[in-house]
Structure formats: C-alpha cells, structure tokens
C-alpha cells in the first residue's frame, strides 16, 4: 500500500548564545536558550517500489548527498537495518539557508522522526537524540523543540517552561549568508565576548515578559555577533537601522538573521514593514511550545 507522511521541520532562534571554548573534538562548548518558532520546512515522505532513498527539493542545489536529510537516512539505515522500504522525500524549503535558524538541522530532525515512523523502526526518544547528536550540534534541539537550555556542544538539553506566546519578526539582510563554521573559526582566532545568560534563564523560568524585554534591550546577547564576517557586519548595520526605529533586534545563532519579540500582532506587523523598508527581508511568525507534528495522509 502506498503511504505518505508529512512532517514539519521548524526553525529555531537563539534568544541568548554564549560560546565558551573549542573542544578537542573540534566542536565548541556553548550555552544557549533556544526557542522553536513557526517558520518551518515540510518533508513529504512517499513510499516507492523496491529499496532506496531519494530526495527532491523545491530549492535548487539542496537535493544532493551533502544534505543532512541524506546523512540522517544513511545513519538510520546503517545502524538499524540496511534493507528498508523505498522512500522518496520531497523537501519544501521555507527556512532561509545559512541564516542562523537551523534550517538544515530542522530538516535532519524531521527526517529522523519521519523515517523512524515510515520504516517502523520503533526507536525511542533517547535513541533518536543520540542519532541527532551525530548529525550536528543543533539537531538534538530541533528534535526536542519548544523552549530549551542547551549546553555541551548542543547535546545536553534541559527543557524550560514554555515561553509565553510572542509574535516574532525575523530580519534578514539580502544576499548575506553566513557559514556557521566560518563564524566559529573567527571565535577561535579572536577573543569574543561571552554574555552572561543568567538573567535570561531566570526570566524564562519565571515566565517574566518584562525580564525577557529587558534582556532583548541589552546590547550583547550573542557571542558571535562580533565576529568579523561580511554577513555579520551587514547584520550589525541592519541592527543599528532597526534600533534607530525604536526596535530591539538580536542575532540568532551564527546569523545573519535578526529576531524581535512582540506581544501584539499590530506591533509585529509594523516592525515587519519597517524591516522591508530597509531593504531587508522580513518573516512574521510566532513562538511554539510544542514539537513536530506528523500525520499519515
């Protein structure tokens, strides 16, 4: 019987990010409060005759073996059975690439969830999280979702109380992608600052909107925002433009995407228009308390 399965891969923002040090394995120890948002890619799984795995994408250049979806499929197949039902995945891309929003990692997490169901592997949450950690530092969070305090290289997760609902406006400089690897290499070369996340963690745990607003109004919420990369310098200029409009943007991950929180839709919509007036791209979305949803069709 032909089956289809649709799974969402949600983007994330780093409300705060402190990069601590480079590890002997080449990764970096970090501390971050990550938040799932509604902007998402979708993965459509379809059964096909025979064995094998096929990937197509609505965005050119993303369907090759370098895609983390491929790596997720290869990992599950090698660890839990090499002779699985043939499957085609169609990736509908909505999250911008190289933006600091975990677009690739969210797709990998969605692939793990989907193939676990599609191939009826019966893997536990812990087994899936172990696979996620192999694929990348942001993949475990993308599998978990919600509001999470992340430590280690991204594999140590502490679930936090769900953030009160906020509208989120993303601002992205046009034609300015940032390689996460390049941003972390700049961290290794220079002594970048390390914001203290204690006040943010306290605000999230207490559900304090005022505490969150105070954090967002601060000048320094992300170690990587001072990295000397062209895309991040463009993000810095955009941040100053938006601050001159009375807004409080912050950098997500390795950037260059900026984000802003709002209590009310009208304020968020006005901010999105202000972003567009600078020539940057805007995305209007919201925080999400729940993780991926999947449905057999």
C-alpha atoms as a PDB file:
ATOM      1  CA  UNK A   1       0.000   0.000   0.000  1.00  0.00           C
ATOM      2  CA  UNK A   2       1.348   3.418  -0.954  1.00  0.00           C
ATOM      3  CA  UNK A   3       1.791   5.618   2.083  1.00  0.00           C
ATOM      4  CA  UNK A   4       2.563   9.282   2.557  1.00  0.00           C
ATOM      5  CA  UNK A   5       3.681  11.118   5.661  1.00  0.00           C
ATOM      6  CA  UNK A   6       4.053  14.862   6.153  1.00  0.00           C
ATOM      7  CA  UNK A   7       6.366  16.256   8.839  1.00  0.00           C
ATOM      8  CA  UNK A   8       7.274  19.825   9.730  1.00  0.00           C
ATOM      9  CA  UNK A   9      10.848  20.895  10.423  1.00  0.00           C
ATOM     10  CA  UNK A  10      10.615  24.082  12.499  1.00  0.00           C
ATOM     11  CA  UNK A  11      13.227  26.845  12.640  1.00  0.00           C
ATOM     12  CA  UNK A  12      14.853  27.961  15.878  1.00  0.00           C
ATOM     13  CA  UNK A  13      16.157  31.195  17.309  1.00  0.00           C
ATOM     14  CA  UNK A  14      18.853  31.619  19.947  1.00  0.00           C
ATOM     15  CA  UNK A  15      17.418  34.048  22.480  1.00  0.00           C
ATOM     16  CA  UNK A  16      20.882  34.072  24.022  1.00  0.00           C
ATOM     17  CA  UNK A  17      24.115  32.346  22.989  1.00  0.00           C
ATOM     18  CA  UNK A  18      27.442  32.101  24.799  1.00  0.00           C
ATOM     19  CA  UNK A  19      30.274  30.235  23.098  1.00  0.00           C
ATOM     20  CA  UNK A  20      32.645  29.030  25.810  1.00  0.00           C
ATOM     21  CA  UNK A  21      35.610  27.235  24.234  1.00  0.00           C
ATOM     22  CA  UNK A  22      36.739  24.938  21.445  1.00  0.00           C
ATOM     23  CA  UNK A  23      36.801  21.258  22.351  1.00  0.00           C
ATOM     24  CA  UNK A  24      39.355  18.608  21.458  1.00  0.00           C
ATOM     25  CA  UNK A  25      36.834  17.038  19.035  1.00  0.00           C
ATOM     26  CA  UNK A  26      36.627  20.265  17.022  1.00  0.00           C
ATOM     27  CA  UNK A  27      33.210  21.301  18.317  1.00  0.00           C
ATOM     28  CA  UNK A  28      32.594  24.156  20.761  1.00  0.00           C
ATOM     29  CA  UNK A  29      31.124  24.111  24.241  1.00  0.00           C
ATOM     30  CA  UNK A  30      28.254  26.548  24.425  1.00  0.00           C
ATOM     31  CA  UNK A  31      25.293  27.643  26.481  1.00  0.00           C
ATOM     32  CA  UNK A  32      22.150  28.837  24.759  1.00  0.00           C
ATOM     33  CA  UNK A  33      18.446  29.342  25.294  1.00  0.00           C
ATOM     34  CA  UNK A  34      16.829  28.108  22.092  1.00  0.00           C
ATOM     35  CA  UNK A  35      13.246  28.634  21.025  1.00  0.00           C
ATOM     36  CA  UNK A  36      11.200  26.903  18.342  1.00  0.00           C
ATOM     37  CA  UNK A  37       9.270  29.214  16.013  1.00  0.00           C
ATOM     38  CA  UNK A  38       6.512  28.649  13.473  1.00  0.00           C
ATOM     39  CA  UNK A  39       8.610  29.226  10.342  1.00  0.00           C
ATOM     40  CA  UNK A  40       9.140  25.716   9.017  1.00  0.00           C
ATOM     41  CA  UNK A  41      10.142  23.491   6.138  1.00  0.00           C
ATOM     42  CA  UNK A  42       7.969  20.491   5.311  1.00  0.00           C
ATOM     43  CA  UNK A  43       9.081  16.990   4.363  1.00  0.00           C
ATOM     44  CA  UNK A  44       6.720  14.764   2.393  1.00  0.00           C
ATOM     45  CA  UNK A  45       7.577  11.048   2.649  1.00  0.00           C
ATOM     46  CA  UNK A  46       6.197   8.754  -0.078  1.00  0.00           C
ATOM     47  CA  UNK A  47       6.655   5.019  -0.432  1.00  0.00           C
ATOM     48  CA  UNK A  48       8.170   3.809  -3.707  1.00  0.00           C
ATOM     49  CA  UNK A  49       8.804   0.383  -5.185  1.00  0.00           C
ATOM     50  CA  UNK A  50      11.915  -1.502  -4.148  1.00  0.00           C
ATOM     51  CA  UNK A  51      14.578  -0.180  -1.820  1.00  0.00           C
ATOM     52  CA  UNK A  52      16.486   3.059  -1.785  1.00  0.00           C
ATOM     53  CA  UNK A  53      16.199   6.656  -0.730  1.00  0.00           C
ATOM     54  CA  UNK A  54      15.506   9.621  -2.981  1.00  0.00           C
ATOM     55  CA  UNK A  55      15.407  13.336  -2.181  1.00  0.00           C
ATOM     56  CA  UNK A  56      13.985  16.216  -4.179  1.00  0.00           C
ATOM     57  CA  UNK A  57      13.776  19.835  -3.100  1.00  0.00           C
ATOM     58  CA  UNK A  58      11.826  22.894  -4.150  1.00  0.00           C
ATOM     59  CA  UNK A  59      15.042  24.947  -3.901  1.00  0.00           C
ATOM     60  CA  UNK A  60      17.836  24.283  -6.377  1.00  0.00           C
ATOM     61  CA  UNK A  61      21.097  22.832  -5.135  1.00  0.00           C
ATOM     62  CA  UNK A  62      19.795  21.284  -1.910  1.00  0.00           C
ATOM     63  CA  UNK A  63      18.928  17.757  -3.028  1.00  0.00           C
ATOM     64  CA  UNK A  64      22.459  16.333  -3.189  1.00  0.00           C
ATOM     65  CA  UNK A  65      24.184  13.916  -0.787  1.00  0.00           C
ATOM     66  CA  UNK A  66      25.569  16.849   1.233  1.00  0.00           C
ATOM     67  CA  UNK A  67      22.055  17.476   2.579  1.00  0.00           C
ATOM     68  CA  UNK A  68      21.632  16.437   6.223  1.00  0.00           C
ATOM     69  CA  UNK A  69      18.458  14.566   5.253  1.00  0.00           C
ATOM     70  CA  UNK A  70      20.650  12.170   3.270  1.00  0.00           C
ATOM     71  CA  UNK A  71      23.000  11.775   6.210  1.00  0.00           C
ATOM     72  CA  UNK A  72      20.073  11.075   8.552  1.00  0.00           C
ATOM     73  CA  UNK A  73      18.757   8.361   6.224  1.00  0.00           C
ATOM     74  CA  UNK A  74      22.198   6.782   5.845  1.00  0.00           C
ATOM     75  CA  UNK A  75      22.730   6.829   9.612  1.00  0.00           C
ATOM     76  CA  UNK A  76      19.423   5.113  10.390  1.00  0.00           C
ATOM     77  CA  UNK A  77      19.899   2.584   7.603  1.00  0.00           C
ATOM     78  CA  UNK A  78      23.425   1.641   8.699  1.00  0.00           C
ATOM     79  CA  UNK A  79      22.579   1.415  12.394  1.00  0.00           C
ATOM     80  CA  UNK A  80      19.162  -0.175  12.327  1.00  0.00           C
ATOM     81  CA  UNK A  81      18.819  -2.107   9.076  1.00  0.00           C
ATOM     82  CA  UNK A  82      20.143  -1.771   5.556  1.00  0.00           C
ATOM     83  CA  UNK A  83      17.109  -3.213   3.728  1.00  0.00           C
ATOM     84  CA  UNK A  84      14.295  -0.745   4.226  1.00  0.00           C
ATOM     85  CA  UNK A  85      11.233   0.151   2.190  1.00  0.00           C
ATOM     86  CA  UNK A  86      11.973   2.551  -0.652  1.00  0.00           C
ATOM     87  CA  UNK A  87      11.105   6.141   0.168  1.00  0.00           C
ATOM     88  CA  UNK A  88      11.092   9.455  -1.651  1.00  0.00           C
ATOM     89  CA  UNK A  89      11.292  12.665   0.379  1.00  0.00           C
ATOM     90  CA  UNK A  90      10.227  15.979  -1.108  1.00  0.00           C
ATOM     91  CA  UNK A  91      11.616  18.929   0.838  1.00  0.00           C
ATOM     92  CA  UNK A  92       9.574  22.127   0.645  1.00  0.00           C
ATOM     93  CA  UNK A  93      12.035  24.792   1.752  1.00  0.00           C
ATOM     94  CA  UNK A  94      10.800  27.863   3.621  1.00  0.00           C
ATOM     95  CA  UNK A  95      13.612  28.484   6.128  1.00  0.00           C
ATOM     96  CA  UNK A  96      16.433  30.556   4.586  1.00  0.00           C
ATOM     97  CA  UNK A  97      19.793  28.775   4.418  1.00  0.00           C
ATOM     98  CA  UNK A  98      22.934  29.961   6.243  1.00  0.00           C
ATOM     99  CA  UNK A  99      20.837  32.319   8.353  1.00  0.00           C
ATOM    100  CA  UNK A 100      21.375  31.052  11.916  1.00  0.00           C
ATOM    101  CA  UNK A 101      17.892  29.498  12.031  1.00  0.00           C
ATOM    102  CA  UNK A 102      18.896  25.792  11.901  1.00  0.00           C
ATOM    103  CA  UNK A 103      17.238  25.171   8.549  1.00  0.00           C
ATOM    104  CA  UNK A 104      19.407  22.152   7.755  1.00  0.00           C
ATOM    105  CA  UNK A 105      19.292  20.819  11.305  1.00  0.00           C
ATOM    106  CA  UNK A 106      15.497  21.055  11.461  1.00  0.00           C
ATOM    107  CA  UNK A 107      15.286  19.056   8.234  1.00  0.00           C
ATOM    108  CA  UNK A 108      17.607  16.398   9.682  1.00  0.00           C
ATOM    109  CA  UNK A 109      15.468  16.137  12.822  1.00  0.00           C
ATOM    110  CA  UNK A 110      12.299  15.849  10.735  1.00  0.00           C
ATOM    111  CA  UNK A 111      13.968  13.142   8.641  1.00  0.00           C
ATOM    112  CA  UNK A 112      14.835  11.151  11.779  1.00  0.00           C
ATOM    113  CA  UNK A 113      11.256  11.402  13.034  1.00  0.00           C
ATOM    114  CA  UNK A 114       9.736  10.592   9.667  1.00  0.00           C
ATOM    115  CA  UNK A 115      11.947   7.647   8.774  1.00  0.00           C
ATOM    116  CA  UNK A 116      11.534   6.176  12.260  1.00  0.00           C
ATOM    117  CA  UNK A 117       7.787   6.110  11.595  1.00  0.00           C
ATOM    118  CA  UNK A 118       7.932   5.265   7.907  1.00  0.00           C
ATOM    119  CA  UNK A 119      10.359   2.368   8.341  1.00  0.00           C
ATOM    120  CA  UNK A 120       8.663   1.323  11.607  1.00  0.00           C
ATOM    121  CA  UNK A 121      11.992   1.230  13.445  1.00  0.00           C
ATOM    122  CA  UNK A 122      10.417   1.782  16.861  1.00  0.00           C
ATOM    123  CA  UNK A 123      13.309   3.935  18.100  1.00  0.00           C
ATOM    124  CA  UNK A 124      12.941   5.612  21.476  1.00  0.00           C
ATOM    125  CA  UNK A 125      13.350   9.333  22.062  1.00  0.00           C
ATOM    126  CA  UNK A 126      16.792   8.733  23.559  1.00  0.00           C
ATOM    127  CA  UNK A 127      17.892   6.657  20.566  1.00  0.00           C
ATOM    128  CA  UNK A 128      16.729   9.378  18.194  1.00  0.00           C
ATOM    129  CA  UNK A 129      18.511  12.048  20.244  1.00  0.00           C
ATOM    130  CA  UNK A 130      21.722  10.010  20.093  1.00  0.00           C
ATOM    131  CA  UNK A 131      21.428   9.909  16.303  1.00  0.00           C
ATOM    132  CA  UNK A 132      20.665  13.633  16.241  1.00  0.00           C
ATOM    133  CA  UNK A 133      23.875  14.419  18.142  1.00  0.00           C
ATOM    134  CA  UNK A 134      25.888  12.596  15.469  1.00  0.00           C
ATOM    135  CA  UNK A 135      24.388  14.743  12.716  1.00  0.00           C
ATOM    136  CA  UNK A 136      25.037  18.202  14.177  1.00  0.00           C
ATOM    137  CA  UNK A 137      25.002  20.463  17.212  1.00  0.00           C
ATOM    138  CA  UNK A 138      21.530  21.955  16.573  1.00  0.00           C
ATOM    139  CA  UNK A 139      19.813  18.709  15.568  1.00  0.00           C
ATOM    140  CA  UNK A 140      19.083  17.486  19.145  1.00  0.00           C
ATOM    141  CA  UNK A 141      17.242  20.722  19.938  1.00  0.00           C
ATOM    142  CA  UNK A 142      15.327  20.565  16.663  1.00  0.00           C
ATOM    143  CA  UNK A 143      14.212  17.068  17.629  1.00  0.00           C
ATOM    144  CA  UNK A 144      13.157  18.256  21.105  1.00  0.00           C
ATOM    145  CA  UNK A 145      11.548  21.574  20.178  1.00  0.00           C
ATOM    146  CA  UNK A 146       9.880  24.109  22.451  1.00  0.00           C
ATOM    147  CA  UNK A 147      11.998  26.197  24.831  1.00  0.00           C
ATOM    148  CA  UNK A 148      15.275  24.584  25.897  1.00  0.00           C
ATOM    149  CA  UNK A 149      18.510  25.428  27.696  1.00  0.00           C
ATOM    150  CA  UNK A 150      21.237  23.839  25.584  1.00  0.00           C
ATOM    151  CA  UNK A 151      24.732  23.043  26.839  1.00  0.00           C
ATOM    152  CA  UNK A 152      27.748  20.972  25.837  1.00  0.00           C
ATOM    153  CA  UNK A 153      28.121  21.085  22.063  1.00  0.00           C
ATOM    154  CA  UNK A 154      24.328  21.025  21.756  1.00  0.00           C
ATOM    155  CA  UNK A 155      23.584  17.524  23.011  1.00  0.00           C
ATOM    156  CA  UNK A 156      22.810  18.437  26.654  1.00  0.00           C
ATOM    157  CA  UNK A 157      19.186  19.590  26.775  1.00  0.00           C
ATOM    158  CA  UNK A 158      17.245  21.000  29.719  1.00  0.00           C
ATOM    159  CA  UNK A 159      13.584  21.601  28.979  1.00  0.00           C
ATOM    160  CA  UNK A 160      12.466  25.036  30.197  1.00  0.00           C
ATOM    161  CA  UNK A 161       8.927  26.294  30.819  1.00  0.00           C
ATOM    162  CA  UNK A 162       7.294  27.230  27.537  1.00  0.00           C
ATOM    163  CA  UNK A 163       7.901  30.841  26.646  1.00  0.00           C
ATOM    164  CA  UNK A 164       4.714  32.938  26.799  1.00  0.00           C
ATOM    165  CA  UNK A 165       3.291  33.365  23.304  1.00  0.00           C
ATOM    166  CA  UNK A 166       5.104  36.053  21.343  1.00  0.00           C
ATOM    167  CA  UNK A 167       4.924  37.223  17.786  1.00  0.00           C
ATOM    168  CA  UNK A 168       8.370  37.011  16.201  1.00  0.00           C
ATOM    169  CA  UNK A 169       9.700  39.145  13.366  1.00  0.00           C
ATOM    170  CA  UNK A 170      12.818  37.931  11.580  1.00  0.00           C
ATOM    171  CA  UNK A 171      15.004  40.368   9.658  1.00  0.00           C
ATOM    172  CA  UNK A 172      17.477  39.008   7.132  1.00  0.00           C
ATOM    173  CA  UNK A 173      19.943  41.073   5.096  1.00  0.00           C
ATOM    174  CA  UNK A 174      19.521  40.260   1.423  1.00  0.00           C
ATOM    175  CA  UNK A 175      22.219  38.118  -0.198  1.00  0.00           C
ATOM    176  CA  UNK A 176      24.188  37.723   3.029  1.00  0.00           C
ATOM    177  CA  UNK A 177      24.561  34.138   4.166  1.00  0.00           C
ATOM    178  CA  UNK A 178      26.919  33.215   6.996  1.00  0.00           C
ATOM    179  CA  UNK A 179      28.681  29.885   7.338  1.00  0.00           C
ATOM    180  CA  UNK A 180      28.422  28.691  10.939  1.00  0.00           C
ATOM    181  CA  UNK A 181      31.847  27.063  10.580  1.00  0.00           C
ATOM    182  CA  UNK A 182      33.369  30.392   9.499  1.00  0.00           C
ATOM    183  CA  UNK A 183      31.774  32.217  12.432  1.00  0.00           C
ATOM    184  CA  UNK A 184      33.177  29.702  14.911  1.00  0.00           C
ATOM    185  CA  UNK A 185      36.621  29.876  13.261  1.00  0.00           C
ATOM    186  CA  UNK A 186      36.575  33.627  13.875  1.00  0.00           C
ATOM    187  CA  UNK A 187      35.724  32.904  17.519  1.00  0.00           C
ATOM    188  CA  UNK A 188      38.801  30.654  17.672  1.00  0.00           C
ATOM    189  CA  UNK A 189      41.060  33.353  16.218  1.00  0.00           C
ATOM    190  CA  UNK A 190      39.907  36.206  18.416  1.00  0.00           C
ATOM    191  CA  UNK A 191      38.728  36.693  21.966  1.00  0.00           C
ATOM    192  CA  UNK A 192      34.999  37.314  21.548  1.00  0.00           C
ATOM    193  CA  UNK A 193      32.798  38.308  24.461  1.00  0.00           C
ATOM    194  CA  UNK A 194      30.678  35.883  26.436  1.00  0.00           C
ATOM    195  CA  UNK A 195      27.269  37.240  27.508  1.00  0.00           C
ATOM    196  CA  UNK A 196      26.049  36.048  30.908  1.00  0.00           C
ATOM    197  CA  UNK A 197      22.794  34.162  30.339  1.00  0.00           C
ATOM    198  CA  UNK A 198      21.695  34.005  33.984  1.00  0.00           C
ATOM    199  CA  UNK A 199      19.170  36.885  33.768  1.00  0.00           C
ATOM    200  CA  UNK A 200      17.654  35.396  30.604  1.00  0.00           C
ATOM    201  CA  UNK A 201      17.351  31.917  32.103  1.00  0.00           C
ATOM    202  CA  UNK A 202      15.714  33.384  35.223  1.00  0.00           C
ATOM    203  CA  UNK A 203      13.242  35.353  33.089  1.00  0.00           C
ATOM    204  CA  UNK A 204      12.273  32.286  31.068  1.00  0.00           C
ATOM    205  CA  UNK A 205      11.893  30.079  34.139  1.00  0.00           C
ATOM    206  CA  UNK A 206       9.663  32.642  35.839  1.00  0.00           C
ATOM    207  CA  UNK A 207       7.665  33.425  32.698  1.00  0.00           C
ATOM    208  CA  UNK A 208       8.554  37.107  33.029  1.00  0.00           C
ATOM    209  CA  UNK A 209       7.720  39.105  29.919  1.00  0.00           C
ATOM    210  CA  UNK A 210       9.415  42.145  31.450  1.00  0.00           C
ATOM    211  CA  UNK A 211      12.565  40.141  32.139  1.00  0.00           C
ATOM    212  CA  UNK A 212      12.621  38.984  28.530  1.00  0.00           C
ATOM    213  CA  UNK A 213      12.116  42.538  27.261  1.00  0.00           C
ATOM    214  CA  UNK A 214      14.989  43.733  29.445  1.00  0.00           C
ATOM    215  CA  UNK A 215      17.232  41.000  28.031  1.00  0.00           C
ATOM    216  CA  UNK A 216      16.308  41.870  24.447  1.00  0.00           C
ATOM    217  CA  UNK A 217      17.031  45.549  25.102  1.00  0.00           C
ATOM    218  CA  UNK A 218      20.607  44.683  26.085  1.00  0.00           C
ATOM    219  CA  UNK A 219      23.439  45.389  23.682  1.00  0.00           C
ATOM    220  CA  UNK A 220      25.049  41.951  23.773  1.00  0.00           C
ATOM    221  CA  UNK A 221      23.079  38.696  23.659  1.00  0.00           C
ATOM    222  CA  UNK A 222      25.208  36.526  21.356  1.00  0.00           C
ATOM    223  CA  UNK A 223      28.943  35.787  21.340  1.00  0.00           C
ATOM    224  CA  UNK A 224      29.071  35.520  17.551  1.00  0.00           C
ATOM    225  CA  UNK A 225      27.585  38.924  16.753  1.00  0.00           C
ATOM    226  CA  UNK A 226      31.061  40.497  16.956  1.00  0.00           C
ATOM    227  CA  UNK A 227      32.648  38.022  14.517  1.00  0.00           C
ATOM    228  CA  UNK A 228      34.340  39.817  11.623  1.00  0.00           C
ATOM    229  CA  UNK A 229      32.438  38.295   8.718  1.00  0.00           C
ATOM    230  CA  UNK A 230      30.764  40.251   5.882  1.00  0.00           C
ATOM    231  CA  UNK A 231      27.327  38.764   6.525  1.00  0.00           C
ATOM    232  CA  UNK A 232      27.506  39.553  10.233  1.00  0.00           C
ATOM    233  CA  UNK A 233      28.724  43.066   9.541  1.00  0.00           C
ATOM    234  CA  UNK A 234      25.651  43.555   7.348  1.00  0.00           C
ATOM    235  CA  UNK A 235      23.530  42.210  10.198  1.00  0.00           C
ATOM    236  CA  UNK A 236      25.190  44.719  12.530  1.00  0.00           C
ATOM    237  CA  UNK A 237      24.311  47.590  10.216  1.00  0.00           C
ATOM    238  CA  UNK A 238      20.730  46.335   9.927  1.00  0.00           C
ATOM    239  CA  UNK A 239      20.521  46.057  13.710  1.00  0.00           C
ATOM    240  CA  UNK A 240      21.514  49.718  14.081  1.00  0.00           C
ATOM    241  CA  UNK A 241      18.932  50.753  11.489  1.00  0.00           C
ATOM    242  CA  UNK A 242      16.191  48.912  13.345  1.00  0.00           C
ATOM    243  CA  UNK A 243      17.330  50.270  16.713  1.00  0.00           C
ATOM    244  CA  UNK A 244      17.009  53.776  15.296  1.00  0.00           C
ATOM    245  CA  UNK A 245      13.336  52.899  14.700  1.00  0.00           C
ATOM    246  CA  UNK A 246      12.918  52.012  18.384  1.00  0.00           C
ATOM    247  CA  UNK A 247      13.188  48.240  17.868  1.00  0.00           C
ATOM    248  CA  UNK A 248      15.307  45.718  19.798  1.00  0.00           C
ATOM    249  CA  UNK A 249      16.662  43.092  17.380  1.00  0.00           C
ATOM    250  CA  UNK A 250      19.063  40.326  18.412  1.00  0.00           C
ATOM    251  CA  UNK A 251      21.194  37.926  16.382  1.00  0.00           C
ATOM    252  CA  UNK A 252      20.157  34.276  16.110  1.00  0.00           C
ATOM    253  CA  UNK A 253      22.914  31.662  16.119  1.00  0.00           C
ATOM    254  CA  UNK A 254      25.714  32.420  13.687  1.00  0.00           C
ATOM    255  CA  UNK A 255      23.425  34.845  11.829  1.00  0.00           C
ATOM    256  CA  UNK A 256      22.852  36.888   9.866  1.00  0.00           C
ATOM    257  CA  UNK A 257      19.145  36.608  10.804  1.00  0.00           C
ATOM    258  CA  UNK A 258      17.942  39.011  13.486  1.00  0.00           C
ATOM    259  CA  UNK A 259      14.781  38.491  15.514  1.00  0.00           C
ATOM    260  CA  UNK A 260      12.419  40.613  17.592  1.00  0.00           C
ATOM    261  CA  UNK A 261       9.643  39.711  20.043  1.00  0.00           C
ATOM    262  CA  UNK A 262       6.233  41.383  20.217  1.00  0.00           C
ATOM    263  CA  UNK A 263       3.183  40.918  22.430  1.00  0.00           C
ATOM    264  CA  UNK A 264       0.693  42.093  19.806  1.00  0.00           C
ATOM    265  CA  UNK A 265       0.186  41.379  16.116  1.00  0.00           C
ATOM    266  CA  UNK A 266      -0.175  45.032  15.088  1.00  0.00           C
ATOM    267  CA  UNK A 267       3.216  45.888  16.580  1.00  0.00           C
ATOM    268  CA  UNK A 268       4.818  42.876  14.909  1.00  0.00           C
ATOM    269  CA  UNK A 269       3.262  43.728  11.551  1.00  0.00           C
ATOM    270  CA  UNK A 270       4.527  47.308  11.790  1.00  0.00           C
ATOM    271  CA  UNK A 271       8.014  46.037  12.608  1.00  0.00           C
ATOM    272  CA  UNK A 272       7.950  43.699   9.610  1.00  0.00           C
ATOM    273  CA  UNK A 273       7.109  46.668   7.381  1.00  0.00           C
ATOM    274  CA  UNK A 274       9.990  48.629   8.926  1.00  0.00           C
ATOM    275  CA  UNK A 275      12.343  45.754   8.103  1.00  0.00           C
ATOM    276  CA  UNK A 276      11.192  45.707   4.471  1.00  0.00           C
ATOM    277  CA  UNK A 277      11.710  49.470   4.219  1.00  0.00           C
ATOM    278  CA  UNK A 278      15.419  48.965   4.994  1.00  0.00           C
ATOM    279  CA  UNK A 279      15.702  46.618   2.008  1.00  0.00           C
ATOM    280  CA  UNK A 280      15.991  43.508   4.175  1.00  0.00           C
ATOM    281  CA  UNK A 281      13.672  40.502   4.100  1.00  0.00           C
ATOM    282  CA  UNK A 282      11.126  40.058   6.890  1.00  0.00           C
ATOM    283  CA  UNK A 283       9.340  36.965   8.188  1.00  0.00           C
ATOM    284  CA  UNK A 284       6.376  37.263  10.552  1.00  0.00           C
ATOM    285  CA  UNK A 285       5.927  34.183  12.723  1.00  0.00           C
ATOM    286  CA  UNK A 286       5.438  33.193  16.374  1.00  0.00           C
ATOM    287  CA  UNK A 287       6.871  31.121  19.195  1.00  0.00           C
ATOM    288  CA  UNK A 288       5.802  27.498  19.515  1.00  0.00           C
ATOM    289  CA  UNK A 289       5.554  25.455  22.688  1.00  0.00           C
ATOM    290  CA  UNK A 290       5.146  22.096  21.000  1.00  0.00           C
ATOM    291  CA  UNK A 291       7.418  19.947  18.896  1.00  0.00           C
ATOM    292  CA  UNK A 292       6.961  18.466  15.425  1.00  0.00           C
ATOM    293  CA  UNK A 293       3.567  17.262  14.301  1.00  0.00           C
ATOM    294  CA  UNK A 294       3.199  14.395  11.866  1.00  0.00           C
ATOM    295  CA  UNK A 295       0.188  12.918  10.157  1.00  0.00           C
ATOM    296  CA  UNK A 296      -0.414   9.899   7.948  1.00  0.00           C
ATOM    297  CA  UNK A 297      -2.313  11.008   4.843  1.00  0.00           C
END
